[in-house]
Each structure stands twice: as C-alpha cells, then as structure tokens.
Amino acid sequence: MEKFQDLILKDLPINPQVAMKVLHLQDDNFQISFKDLEAIVSVDPALTARLLKISNSALYARQREITNLQQALTLLGFNTIKSLVLLVSASNIFGRPGGNRTYEIYLWKHLLITAFCARHLAVKKSMESRKDDAFIAGLLHDIGRIIMSNSLPEKNARFLRELRAGGTEMLELEENIFGYTHQEAGKFVLGKWNFPDELVDCAQQHHSPNITSKHKAMVIVVGLANIYSKIIMEETPGAEDMRLKEFYIKSLNLSPEEDAYYTGDYRKDLEEDELYKTSAVLL
C-alpha cells in the first residue's frame, strides 16, 4: 500500500482550494453566498478568465459582452456559476503532458453524464435538496481512473487494451495490472484533499453491492448514474454492472418506465441542456 500511495502522490494535482471552498457554499442565504462566491473565484485569475469566456460563448450569448465576474454571476445565476467553477476545476486535472487524449475525452464525457444523471435521479427520487451534492459526487466518482492514467500511463495503456478485449471485469483487471482499483485510488485522493466523507464514499463504493457508508442513498444514486452513463455512451455493461443495476433500481424504487427513460430518451434531453453543452467542450 505504501508503494501505491507513493505513486499516487507523485502525480497528485494541487489541492483544488477554490473548488473546495465553493463546495461549502450554500444557496439558502442567497445574498451572502453570492458575495462569497464572487470573492472566492476572483482570487483565481485563470479561473475567472475561463468563466468569462464561457459566459460570452454562443451558448450564453447576450446582447452585451460580459466583462466581469459580477456580471456573469448576475446573468447566469449562482447555481450555474457554482457548477461551472466545479466543472472547470475538475477539467484542470486532465491535460497532463503525454496523456492519452482520447481516453481523457472519453473519461470527461463519462464523468459529465454521470454527474448530470445523478442530479436528475436525485430530483426524481425525492432528494431534490441534495441535487447539487449528487452532481458533484458524480463528477468526482471516477477521479481514481484519472490519477491512475496520469501516474502509470504504460500500465493504463495495457489496462485499456485488455479491457477492450473483454473477458475480465474492470475492477479485477485493475487489481491484476495496477495492484489496486480506481475506487481505492479515488478514496485516497479525495481523502488527501480533505473532501467531505460523502464524496470519498461515493468514489470508494460506487461499484459495491455491500455499501457500508452512512451516505448509502447518495452512493446508490451515483452508482446507478455511473451505469446509465455507460449505456448512454453505448457501452455494453459487464455482468457485474447489470447485477448492480438491478440492485440500485430496487433500492431507489425506480419503475420500469423510469429505467427505460434513462436508457433511452434521457440522452436527448441531456444533449439539449445548455450547461451540459458548455461542459462538454471544457476539456
């Protein structure tokens, strides 16, 4: 385990302090949160520049140019800017020199779809007050895969070849090649960043049928969103994924019609979401 930690730490991105502070902002006291969000973001010029660029993109086109953060917050709203800050911060983990660009784009899309689907499921299953938490948990659930790709690109290339060849479940293949799974790596990274236990647990247990976390409902939402994301991306889920899918559906009391929606028409609705379209081009 010591060797595993050393490898992860070697390429661990800098603790995303801005994202961490934004995580703790609540929108129940709008005026205070609005001012706090502006204060937090404004200290990061690169992040501010990217947010202004997004705000002036065709997707959010306005009659006049948005030239400062306060205008962006006013026009796009607290929750949209908060989501964009987290999305931009997450995208910064990618793009390492020598990285597998194709794999990074695939992973980014998978993380996005999982995040948006987790938020949608949270609303659908009477967890609307937790929808933003579900979004963040979905966005970070596979951070272990990113770190493993950054830390050990040659092993990751072998992992991807053997995964495409089929015959072995992903977690078993990770154990065989890396000596640990992306769930263990994700738990370690988010723990090192002192992220909330709920996010750590979602990263660690989103493939588990035996969830021990006290945040079980959120882990299940993220776990199911993870599987739906694979289906939406036209992957063929493995046997273990399908067993988990049935367990998650039963746990959330999802109807056959709701299940059919997430594996069918949800993709079209997602692709019409302005925030999703913006997020998809961040990488």
C-alpha atoms as a PDB file:
ATOM      1  CA  MET A   1       0.000   0.000   0.000  1.00  0.00           C
ATOM      2  CA  GLU A   2       2.905   2.337   0.653  1.00  0.00           C
ATOM      3  CA  LYS A   3       4.092   1.965  -2.928  1.00  0.00           C
ATOM      4  CA  PHE A   4       0.566   2.622  -4.151  1.00  0.00           C
ATOM      5  CA  GLN A   5       0.376   5.839  -2.132  1.00  0.00           C
ATOM      6  CA  ASP A   6       3.787   6.984  -3.350  1.00  0.00           C
ATOM      7  CA  LEU A   7       2.749   6.517  -6.978  1.00  0.00           C
ATOM      8  CA  ILE A   8      -0.480   8.422  -6.497  1.00  0.00           C
ATOM      9  CA  LEU A   9       1.181  11.255  -4.574  1.00  0.00           C
ATOM     10  CA  LYS A  10       3.845  11.666  -7.242  1.00  0.00           C
ATOM     11  CA  ASP A  11       1.303  12.968  -9.757  1.00  0.00           C
ATOM     12  CA  LEU A  12      -1.405  14.208  -7.426  1.00  0.00           C
ATOM     13  CA  PRO A  13      -2.785  17.542  -8.698  1.00  0.00           C
ATOM     14  CA  ILE A  14      -2.623  20.510  -6.369  1.00  0.00           C
ATOM     15  CA  ASN A  15      -5.489  20.545  -3.895  1.00  0.00           C
ATOM     16  CA  PRO A  16      -8.255  22.476  -5.699  1.00  0.00           C
ATOM     17  CA  GLN A  17      -8.777  25.011  -2.924  1.00  0.00           C
ATOM     18  CA  VAL A  18     -11.209  27.170  -4.886  1.00  0.00           C
ATOM     19  CA  ALA A  19     -13.408  24.194  -5.686  1.00  0.00           C
ATOM     20  CA  MET A  20     -13.238  23.081  -2.068  1.00  0.00           C
ATOM     21  CA  LYS A  21     -14.445  26.459  -0.817  1.00  0.00           C
ATOM     22  CA  VAL A  22     -17.222  26.553  -3.403  1.00  0.00           C
ATOM     23  CA  LEU A  23     -18.351  23.107  -2.243  1.00  0.00           C
ATOM     24  CA  HIS A  24     -19.208  24.546   1.148  1.00  0.00           C
ATOM     25  CA  LEU A  25     -21.265  27.469  -0.149  1.00  0.00           C
ATOM     26  CA  GLN A  26     -24.976  27.153   0.465  1.00  0.00           C
ATOM     27  CA  ASP A  27     -27.608  28.892  -1.639  1.00  0.00           C
ATOM     28  CA  ASP A  28     -30.178  29.166   1.151  1.00  0.00           C
ATOM     29  CA  ASN A  29     -28.797  32.608   2.077  1.00  0.00           C
ATOM     30  CA  PHE A  30     -28.507  33.965  -1.443  1.00  0.00           C
ATOM     31  CA  GLN A  31     -27.005  37.398  -0.749  1.00  0.00           C
ATOM     32  CA  ILE A  32     -24.182  36.069   1.437  1.00  0.00           C
ATOM     33  CA  SER A  33     -23.448  33.123  -0.871  1.00  0.00           C
ATOM     34  CA  PHE A  34     -23.465  35.376  -3.937  1.00  0.00           C
ATOM     35  CA  LYS A  35     -20.839  37.678  -2.442  1.00  0.00           C
ATOM     36  CA  ASP A  36     -18.789  34.767  -1.093  1.00  0.00           C
ATOM     37  CA  LEU A  37     -18.742  33.042  -4.474  1.00  0.00           C
ATOM     38  CA  GLU A  38     -17.519  36.204  -6.177  1.00  0.00           C
ATOM     39  CA  ALA A  39     -14.805  36.654  -3.535  1.00  0.00           C
ATOM     40  CA  ILE A  40     -13.613  33.043  -3.804  1.00  0.00           C
ATOM     41  CA  VAL A  41     -13.464  32.940  -7.595  1.00  0.00           C
ATOM     42  CA  SER A  42     -11.956  36.388  -8.116  1.00  0.00           C
ATOM     43  CA  VAL A  43      -8.665  35.403  -6.439  1.00  0.00           C
ATOM     44  CA  ASP A  44      -8.010  32.920  -9.279  1.00  0.00           C
ATOM     45  CA  PRO A  45      -7.407  34.959 -12.469  1.00  0.00           C
ATOM     46  CA  ALA A  46      -7.192  31.885 -14.738  1.00  0.00           C
ATOM     47  CA  LEU A  47     -10.490  30.519 -13.443  1.00  0.00           C
ATOM     48  CA  THR A  48     -12.130  33.932 -13.759  1.00  0.00           C
ATOM     49  CA  ALA A  49     -10.930  34.237 -17.362  1.00  0.00           C
ATOM     50  CA  ARG A  50     -12.347  30.830 -18.274  1.00  0.00           C
ATOM     51  CA  LEU A  51     -15.683  31.637 -16.660  1.00  0.00           C
ATOM     52  CA  LEU A  52     -15.921  34.931 -18.563  1.00  0.00           C
ATOM     53  CA  LYS A  53     -15.070  33.140 -21.805  1.00  0.00           C
ATOM     54  CA  ILE A  54     -17.828  30.602 -21.175  1.00  0.00           C
ATOM     55  CA  SER A  55     -20.259  33.358 -20.213  1.00  0.00           C
ATOM     56  CA  ASN A  56     -19.583  35.079 -23.543  1.00  0.00           C
ATOM     57  CA  SER A  57     -19.837  31.886 -25.582  1.00  0.00           C
ATOM     58  CA  ALA A  58     -22.567  31.310 -28.122  1.00  0.00           C
ATOM     59  CA  LEU A  59     -24.400  29.118 -25.621  1.00  0.00           C
ATOM     60  CA  TYR A  60     -24.839  32.021 -23.237  1.00  0.00           C
ATOM     61  CA  ALA A  61     -24.865  34.806 -25.817  1.00  0.00           C
ATOM     62  CA  ARG A  62     -26.151  38.132 -24.530  1.00  0.00           C
ATOM     63  CA  GLN A  63     -26.779  41.483 -26.161  1.00  0.00           C
ATOM     64  CA  ARG A  64     -23.684  42.888 -24.489  1.00  0.00           C
ATOM     65  CA  GLU A  65     -20.304  41.452 -23.594  1.00  0.00           C
ATOM     66  CA  ILE A  66     -19.819  40.166 -20.055  1.00  0.00           C
ATOM     67  CA  THR A  67     -16.641  41.817 -18.824  1.00  0.00           C
ATOM     68  CA  ASN A  68     -16.502  40.978 -15.124  1.00  0.00           C
ATOM     69  CA  LEU A  69     -17.397  38.240 -12.697  1.00  0.00           C
ATOM     70  CA  GLN A  70     -20.254  40.153 -11.080  1.00  0.00           C
ATOM     71  CA  GLN A  71     -21.999  40.470 -14.442  1.00  0.00           C
ATOM     72  CA  ALA A  72     -21.538  36.751 -15.079  1.00  0.00           C
ATOM     73  CA  LEU A  73     -22.998  35.887 -11.683  1.00  0.00           C
ATOM     74  CA  THR A  74     -25.950  38.220 -12.215  1.00  0.00           C
ATOM     75  CA  LEU A  75     -26.767  36.946 -15.701  1.00  0.00           C
ATOM     76  CA  LEU A  76     -26.095  33.232 -15.290  1.00  0.00           C
ATOM     77  CA  GLY A  77     -27.085  32.823 -11.664  1.00  0.00           C
ATOM     78  CA  PHE A  78     -25.494  31.428  -8.534  1.00  0.00           C
ATOM     79  CA  ASN A  79     -26.051  27.722  -9.204  1.00  0.00           C
ATOM     80  CA  THR A  80     -24.875  27.858 -12.828  1.00  0.00           C
ATOM     81  CA  ILE A  81     -21.658  29.684 -11.905  1.00  0.00           C
ATOM     82  CA  LYS A  82     -21.109  27.373  -8.932  1.00  0.00           C
ATOM     83  CA  SER A  83     -21.484  24.351 -11.222  1.00  0.00           C
ATOM     84  CA  LEU A  84     -19.169  25.882 -13.825  1.00  0.00           C
ATOM     85  CA  VAL A  85     -16.493  26.577 -11.199  1.00  0.00           C
ATOM     86  CA  LEU A  86     -16.545  22.932 -10.150  1.00  0.00           C
ATOM     87  CA  LEU A  87     -16.568  21.727 -13.756  1.00  0.00           C
ATOM     88  CA  VAL A  88     -13.627  23.940 -14.743  1.00  0.00           C
ATOM     89  CA  SER A  89     -11.705  22.865 -11.636  1.00  0.00           C
ATOM     90  CA  ALA A  90     -12.357  19.199 -12.436  1.00  0.00           C
ATOM     91  CA  SER A  91     -11.301  19.618 -16.068  1.00  0.00           C
ATOM     92  CA  ASN A  92      -7.961  21.058 -14.910  1.00  0.00           C
ATOM     93  CA  ILE A  93      -6.948  17.610 -13.654  1.00  0.00           C
ATOM     94  CA  PHE A  94      -6.759  16.484 -17.273  1.00  0.00           C
ATOM     95  CA  GLY A  95      -4.323  17.579 -19.938  1.00  0.00           C
ATOM     96  CA  ARG A  96      -1.068  16.277 -18.477  1.00  0.00           C
ATOM     97  CA  PRO A  97       1.888  16.129 -20.930  1.00  0.00           C
ATOM     98  CA  GLY A  98       1.992  12.762 -22.662  1.00  0.00           C
ATOM     99  CA  GLY A  99      -1.537  11.910 -21.583  1.00  0.00           C
ATOM    100  CA  ASN A 100      -3.892   9.756 -23.628  1.00  0.00           C
ATOM    101  CA  ARG A 101      -6.095  12.454 -25.128  1.00  0.00           C
ATOM    102  CA  THR A 102      -8.699  10.042 -26.485  1.00  0.00           C
ATOM    103  CA  TYR A 103      -9.056   8.376 -23.100  1.00  0.00           C
ATOM    104  CA  GLU A 104      -9.250  11.733 -21.327  1.00  0.00           C
ATOM    105  CA  ILE A 105     -12.080  12.900 -23.592  1.00  0.00           C
ATOM    106  CA  TYR A 106     -13.906   9.626 -23.020  1.00  0.00           C
ATOM    107  CA  LEU A 107     -13.480   9.892 -19.235  1.00  0.00           C
ATOM    108  CA  TRP A 108     -14.582  13.529 -19.174  1.00  0.00           C
ATOM    109  CA  LYS A 109     -17.772  12.675 -21.048  1.00  0.00           C
ATOM    110  CA  HIS A 110     -18.404   9.733 -18.718  1.00  0.00           C
ATOM    111  CA  LEU A 111     -17.930  11.929 -15.640  1.00  0.00           C
ATOM    112  CA  LEU A 112     -20.217  14.612 -17.033  1.00  0.00           C
ATOM    113  CA  ILE A 113     -23.034  12.240 -17.931  1.00  0.00           C
ATOM    114  CA  THR A 114     -22.750  10.549 -14.540  1.00  0.00           C
ATOM    115  CA  ALA A 115     -22.897  13.936 -12.784  1.00  0.00           C
ATOM    116  CA  PHE A 116     -25.913  15.199 -14.714  1.00  0.00           C
ATOM    117  CA  CYS A 117     -27.699  11.855 -14.426  1.00  0.00           C
ATOM    118  CA  ALA A 118     -27.022  11.670 -10.674  1.00  0.00           C
ATOM    119  CA  ARG A 119     -28.512  15.129 -10.245  1.00  0.00           C
ATOM    120  CA  HIS A 120     -31.574  14.146 -12.280  1.00  0.00           C
ATOM    121  CA  LEU A 121     -32.025  10.946 -10.261  1.00  0.00           C
ATOM    122  CA  ALA A 122     -31.728  12.868  -7.009  1.00  0.00           C
ATOM    123  CA  VAL A 123     -34.596  15.141  -8.049  1.00  0.00           C
ATOM    124  CA  LYS A 124     -36.646  12.206  -9.306  1.00  0.00           C
ATOM    125  CA  LYS A 125     -36.251  10.198  -6.114  1.00  0.00           C
ATOM    126  CA  SER A 126     -37.173  12.881  -3.551  1.00  0.00           C
ATOM    127  CA  MET A 127     -33.613  14.115  -2.943  1.00  0.00           C
ATOM    128  CA  GLU A 128     -34.019  17.486  -4.650  1.00  0.00           C
ATOM    129  CA  SER A 129     -32.319  19.332  -1.796  1.00  0.00           C
ATOM    130  CA  ARG A 130     -29.252  17.153  -2.458  1.00  0.00           C
ATOM    131  CA  LYS A 131     -29.179  17.506  -6.239  1.00  0.00           C
ATOM    132  CA  ASP A 132     -26.043  19.682  -6.299  1.00  0.00           C
ATOM    133  CA  ASP A 133     -24.282  17.250  -3.956  1.00  0.00           C
ATOM    134  CA  ALA A 134     -25.252  14.394  -6.271  1.00  0.00           C
ATOM    135  CA  PHE A 135     -23.862  16.351  -9.229  1.00  0.00           C
ATOM    136  CA  ILE A 136     -20.510  16.865  -7.511  1.00  0.00           C
ATOM    137  CA  ALA A 137     -20.335  13.238  -6.327  1.00  0.00           C
ATOM    138  CA  GLY A 138     -20.994  12.053  -9.867  1.00  0.00           C
ATOM    139  CA  LEU A 139     -18.363  14.405 -11.266  1.00  0.00           C
ATOM    140  CA  LEU A 140     -15.714  13.059  -8.881  1.00  0.00           C
ATOM    141  CA  HIS A 141     -16.690   9.393  -8.624  1.00  0.00           C
ATOM    142  CA  ASP A 142     -14.041   8.155 -11.092  1.00  0.00           C
ATOM    143  CA  ILE A 143     -11.220  10.527 -10.172  1.00  0.00           C
ATOM    144  CA  GLY A 144      -9.154   7.435  -9.352  1.00  0.00           C
ATOM    145  CA  ARG A 145      -9.138   6.484 -13.032  1.00  0.00           C
ATOM    146  CA  ILE A 146      -7.735   9.896 -13.964  1.00  0.00           C
ATOM    147  CA  ILE A 147      -4.986   9.695 -11.359  1.00  0.00           C
ATOM    148  CA  MET A 148      -4.046   6.140 -12.376  1.00  0.00           C
ATOM    149  CA  SER A 149      -3.812   7.194 -16.017  1.00  0.00           C
ATOM    150  CA  ASN A 150      -1.608  10.172 -15.072  1.00  0.00           C
ATOM    151  CA  SER A 151       0.616   8.182 -12.703  1.00  0.00           C
ATOM    152  CA  LEU A 152       1.124   4.997 -14.721  1.00  0.00           C
ATOM    153  CA  PRO A 153       0.420   5.653 -18.422  1.00  0.00           C
ATOM    154  CA  GLU A 154       2.079   2.436 -19.650  1.00  0.00           C
ATOM    155  CA  LYS A 155       0.086   0.249 -17.272  1.00  0.00           C
ATOM    156  CA  ASN A 156      -3.027   2.215 -18.138  1.00  0.00           C
ATOM    157  CA  ALA A 157      -2.457   1.582 -21.851  1.00  0.00           C
ATOM    158  CA  ARG A 158      -2.230  -2.146 -21.131  1.00  0.00           C
ATOM    159  CA  PHE A 159      -5.348  -1.921 -18.958  1.00  0.00           C
ATOM    160  CA  LEU A 160      -7.319  -0.265 -21.772  1.00  0.00           C
ATOM    161  CA  ARG A 161      -6.178  -2.843 -24.336  1.00  0.00           C
ATOM    162  CA  GLU A 162      -7.215  -5.752 -22.138  1.00  0.00           C
ATOM    163  CA  LEU A 163     -10.462  -4.058 -21.131  1.00  0.00           C
ATOM    164  CA  ARG A 164     -11.412  -3.619 -24.789  1.00  0.00           C
ATOM    165  CA  ALA A 165     -10.557  -7.248 -25.448  1.00  0.00           C
ATOM    166  CA  GLY A 166     -13.210  -8.237 -22.901  1.00  0.00           C
ATOM    167  CA  GLY A 167     -13.455 -11.291 -20.697  1.00  0.00           C
ATOM    168  CA  THR A 168     -12.425  -9.638 -17.425  1.00  0.00           C
ATOM    169  CA  GLU A 169     -14.413  -7.236 -15.234  1.00  0.00           C
ATOM    170  CA  MET A 170     -12.864  -3.776 -14.852  1.00  0.00           C
ATOM    171  CA  LEU A 171     -12.087  -3.949 -11.127  1.00  0.00           C
ATOM    172  CA  GLU A 172     -10.478  -7.377 -11.446  1.00  0.00           C
ATOM    173  CA  LEU A 173      -8.399  -6.145 -14.358  1.00  0.00           C
ATOM    174  CA  GLU A 174      -7.252  -3.100 -12.381  1.00  0.00           C
ATOM    175  CA  GLU A 175      -6.190  -5.332  -9.495  1.00  0.00           C
ATOM    176  CA  ASN A 176      -4.263  -7.567 -11.904  1.00  0.00           C
ATOM    177  CA  ILE A 177      -2.437  -4.722 -13.655  1.00  0.00           C
ATOM    178  CA  PHE A 178      -2.118  -1.906 -11.095  1.00  0.00           C
ATOM    179  CA  GLY A 179      -2.401  -3.843  -7.861  1.00  0.00           C
ATOM    180  CA  TYR A 180      -5.316  -1.669  -6.708  1.00  0.00           C
ATOM    181  CA  THR A 181      -8.614  -0.356  -8.083  1.00  0.00           C
ATOM    182  CA  HIS A 182      -9.724   3.105  -9.122  1.00  0.00           C
ATOM    183  CA  GLN A 183     -12.079   3.025  -6.138  1.00  0.00           C
ATOM    184  CA  GLU A 184      -9.115   2.736  -3.757  1.00  0.00           C
ATOM    185  CA  ALA A 185      -7.241   5.452  -5.643  1.00  0.00           C
ATOM    186  CA  GLY A 186     -10.286   7.736  -5.582  1.00  0.00           C
ATOM    187  CA  LYS A 187     -10.757   7.256  -1.856  1.00  0.00           C
ATOM    188  CA  PHE A 188      -7.094   8.054  -1.243  1.00  0.00           C
ATOM    189  CA  VAL A 189      -7.030  11.190  -3.416  1.00  0.00           C
ATOM    190  CA  LEU A 190     -10.238  12.737  -2.090  1.00  0.00           C
ATOM    191  CA  GLY A 191      -9.167  11.869   1.447  1.00  0.00           C
ATOM    192  CA  LYS A 192      -5.838  13.632   0.901  1.00  0.00           C
ATOM    193  CA  TRP A 193      -7.758  16.691  -0.279  1.00  0.00           C
ATOM    194  CA  ASN A 194      -9.934  16.552   2.845  1.00  0.00           C
ATOM    195  CA  PHE A 195     -13.092  16.384   0.775  1.00  0.00           C
ATOM    196  CA  PRO A 196     -16.365  15.515   2.573  1.00  0.00           C
ATOM    197  CA  ASP A 197     -16.831  11.871   3.586  1.00  0.00           C
ATOM    198  CA  GLU A 198     -19.832  11.556   1.288  1.00  0.00           C
ATOM    199  CA  LEU A 199     -17.688  12.264  -1.781  1.00  0.00           C
ATOM    200  CA  VAL A 200     -14.967   9.909  -0.562  1.00  0.00           C
ATOM    201  CA  ASP A 201     -17.513   7.144  -0.010  1.00  0.00           C
ATOM    202  CA  CYS A 202     -19.066   7.600  -3.447  1.00  0.00           C
ATOM    203  CA  ALA A 203     -15.638   7.287  -5.059  1.00  0.00           C
ATOM    204  CA  GLN A 204     -14.844   4.216  -2.964  1.00  0.00           C
ATOM    205  CA  GLN A 205     -18.132   2.295  -3.077  1.00  0.00           C
ATOM    206  CA  HIS A 206     -19.953   3.150  -6.326  1.00  0.00           C
ATOM    207  CA  HIS A 207     -19.308  -0.403  -7.624  1.00  0.00           C
ATOM    208  CA  SER A 208     -20.157  -2.145  -4.364  1.00  0.00           C
ATOM    209  CA  PRO A 209     -23.272  -4.256  -3.668  1.00  0.00           C
ATOM    210  CA  ASN A 210     -22.398  -4.115   0.052  1.00  0.00           C
ATOM    211  CA  ILE A 211     -22.426  -0.396   0.816  1.00  0.00           C
ATOM    212  CA  THR A 212     -21.216   0.361   4.325  1.00  0.00           C
ATOM    213  CA  SER A 213     -21.294   4.154   4.025  1.00  0.00           C
ATOM    214  CA  LYS A 214     -23.728   6.141   6.138  1.00  0.00           C
ATOM    215  CA  HIS A 215     -24.333   8.050   2.883  1.00  0.00           C
ATOM    216  CA  LYS A 216     -25.784   4.943   1.249  1.00  0.00           C
ATOM    217  CA  ALA A 217     -28.540   6.719  -0.686  1.00  0.00           C
ATOM    218  CA  MET A 218     -26.025   9.019  -2.397  1.00  0.00           C
ATOM    219  CA  VAL A 219     -23.666   6.138  -3.200  1.00  0.00           C
ATOM    220  CA  ILE A 220     -26.560   4.278  -4.839  1.00  0.00           C
ATOM    221  CA  VAL A 221     -27.613   7.321  -6.879  1.00  0.00           C
ATOM    222  CA  VAL A 222     -24.042   7.780  -8.141  1.00  0.00           C
ATOM    223  CA  GLY A 223     -23.590   4.050  -8.725  1.00  0.00           C
ATOM    224  CA  LEU A 224     -26.717   3.858 -10.874  1.00  0.00           C
ATOM    225  CA  ALA A 225     -25.840   7.079 -12.718  1.00  0.00           C
ATOM    226  CA  ASN A 226     -22.423   5.572 -13.466  1.00  0.00           C
ATOM    227  CA  ILE A 227     -24.052   2.562 -15.137  1.00  0.00           C
ATOM    228  CA  TYR A 228     -26.565   4.689 -17.035  1.00  0.00           C
ATOM    229  CA  SER A 229     -23.665   6.813 -18.274  1.00  0.00           C
ATOM    230  CA  LYS A 230     -22.033   3.740 -19.789  1.00  0.00           C
ATOM    231  CA  ILE A 231     -25.282   2.775 -21.507  1.00  0.00           C
ATOM    232  CA  ILE A 232     -25.827   6.320 -22.816  1.00  0.00           C
ATOM    233  CA  MET A 233     -22.278   6.210 -24.221  1.00  0.00           C
ATOM    234  CA  GLU A 234     -23.250   2.977 -25.990  1.00  0.00           C
ATOM    235  CA  GLU A 235     -21.011   0.732 -23.963  1.00  0.00           C
ATOM    236  CA  THR A 236     -22.055  -2.790 -23.085  1.00  0.00           C
ATOM    237  CA  PRO A 237     -22.201  -3.055 -19.295  1.00  0.00           C
ATOM    238  CA  GLY A 238     -20.498  -6.113 -17.803  1.00  0.00           C
ATOM    239  CA  ALA A 239     -22.328  -8.822 -15.897  1.00  0.00           C
ATOM    240  CA  GLU A 240     -21.415  -7.237 -12.565  1.00  0.00           C
ATOM    241  CA  ASP A 241     -22.727  -3.848 -13.712  1.00  0.00           C
ATOM    242  CA  MET A 242     -26.043  -5.419 -14.670  1.00  0.00           C
ATOM    243  CA  ARG A 243     -26.344  -7.122 -11.284  1.00  0.00           C
ATOM    244  CA  LEU A 244     -25.600  -3.825  -9.581  1.00  0.00           C
ATOM    245  CA  LYS A 245     -28.090  -2.025 -11.804  1.00  0.00           C
ATOM    246  CA  GLU A 246     -30.905  -4.286 -10.625  1.00  0.00           C
ATOM    247  CA  PHE A 247     -29.863  -3.789  -7.003  1.00  0.00           C
ATOM    248  CA  TYR A 248     -29.718   0.007  -7.381  1.00  0.00           C
ATOM    249  CA  ILE A 249     -33.061   0.171  -9.204  1.00  0.00           C
ATOM    250  CA  LYS A 250     -34.720  -1.849  -6.451  1.00  0.00           C
ATOM    251  CA  SER A 251     -33.095   0.284  -3.734  1.00  0.00           C
ATOM    252  CA  LEU A 252     -34.340   3.523  -5.328  1.00  0.00           C
ATOM    253  CA  ASN A 253     -37.730   2.025  -6.195  1.00  0.00           C
ATOM    254  CA  LEU A 254     -37.280   3.024  -9.817  1.00  0.00           C
ATOM    255  CA  SER A 255     -40.122   1.924 -12.077  1.00  0.00           C
ATOM    256  CA  PRO A 256     -39.553   0.066 -15.388  1.00  0.00           C
ATOM    257  CA  GLU A 257     -40.718   3.208 -17.191  1.00  0.00           C
ATOM    258  CA  GLU A 258     -38.187   5.364 -15.339  1.00  0.00           C
ATOM    259  CA  ASP A 259     -35.414   2.869 -16.083  1.00  0.00           C
ATOM    260  CA  ALA A 260     -36.378   2.903 -19.767  1.00  0.00           C
ATOM    261  CA  TYR A 261     -36.213   6.694 -19.790  1.00  0.00           C
ATOM    262  CA  TYR A 262     -32.638   6.803 -18.510  1.00  0.00           C
ATOM    263  CA  THR A 263     -31.510   4.214 -21.041  1.00  0.00           C
ATOM    264  CA  GLY A 264     -33.450   5.910 -23.842  1.00  0.00           C
ATOM    265  CA  ASP A 265     -34.906   9.421 -24.102  1.00  0.00           C
ATOM    266  CA  TYR A 266     -32.758  10.907 -21.311  1.00  0.00           C
ATOM    267  CA  ARG A 267     -29.807  11.170 -23.693  1.00  0.00           C
ATOM    268  CA  LYS A 268     -31.742  13.514 -25.976  1.00  0.00           C
ATOM    269  CA  ASP A 269     -32.892  15.677 -23.062  1.00  0.00           C
ATOM    270  CA  LEU A 270     -29.339  15.819 -21.707  1.00  0.00           C
ATOM    271  CA  GLU A 271     -27.875  16.938 -25.015  1.00  0.00           C
ATOM    272  CA  GLU A 272     -30.293  19.875 -25.055  1.00  0.00           C
ATOM    273  CA  ASP A 273     -29.126  21.060 -21.620  1.00  0.00           C
ATOM    274  CA  GLU A 274     -27.150  24.301 -22.025  1.00  0.00           C
ATOM    275  CA  LEU A 275     -24.881  23.604 -19.048  1.00  0.00           C
ATOM    276  CA  TYR A 276     -24.084  20.132 -20.375  1.00  0.00           C
ATOM    277  CA  LYS A 277     -23.250  21.517 -23.807  1.00  0.00           C
ATOM    278  CA  THR A 278     -20.943  24.062 -22.198  1.00  0.00           C
ATOM    279  CA  SER A 279     -19.296  21.404 -20.012  1.00  0.00           C
ATOM    280  CA  ALA A 280     -18.673  19.043 -22.893  1.00  0.00           C
ATOM    281  CA  VAL A 281     -16.234  21.483 -24.538  1.00  0.00           C
ATOM    282  CA  LEU A 282     -14.310  22.420 -21.390  1.00  0.00           C
ATOM    283  CA  LEU A 283     -11.613  19.788 -21.881  1.00  0.00           C
END
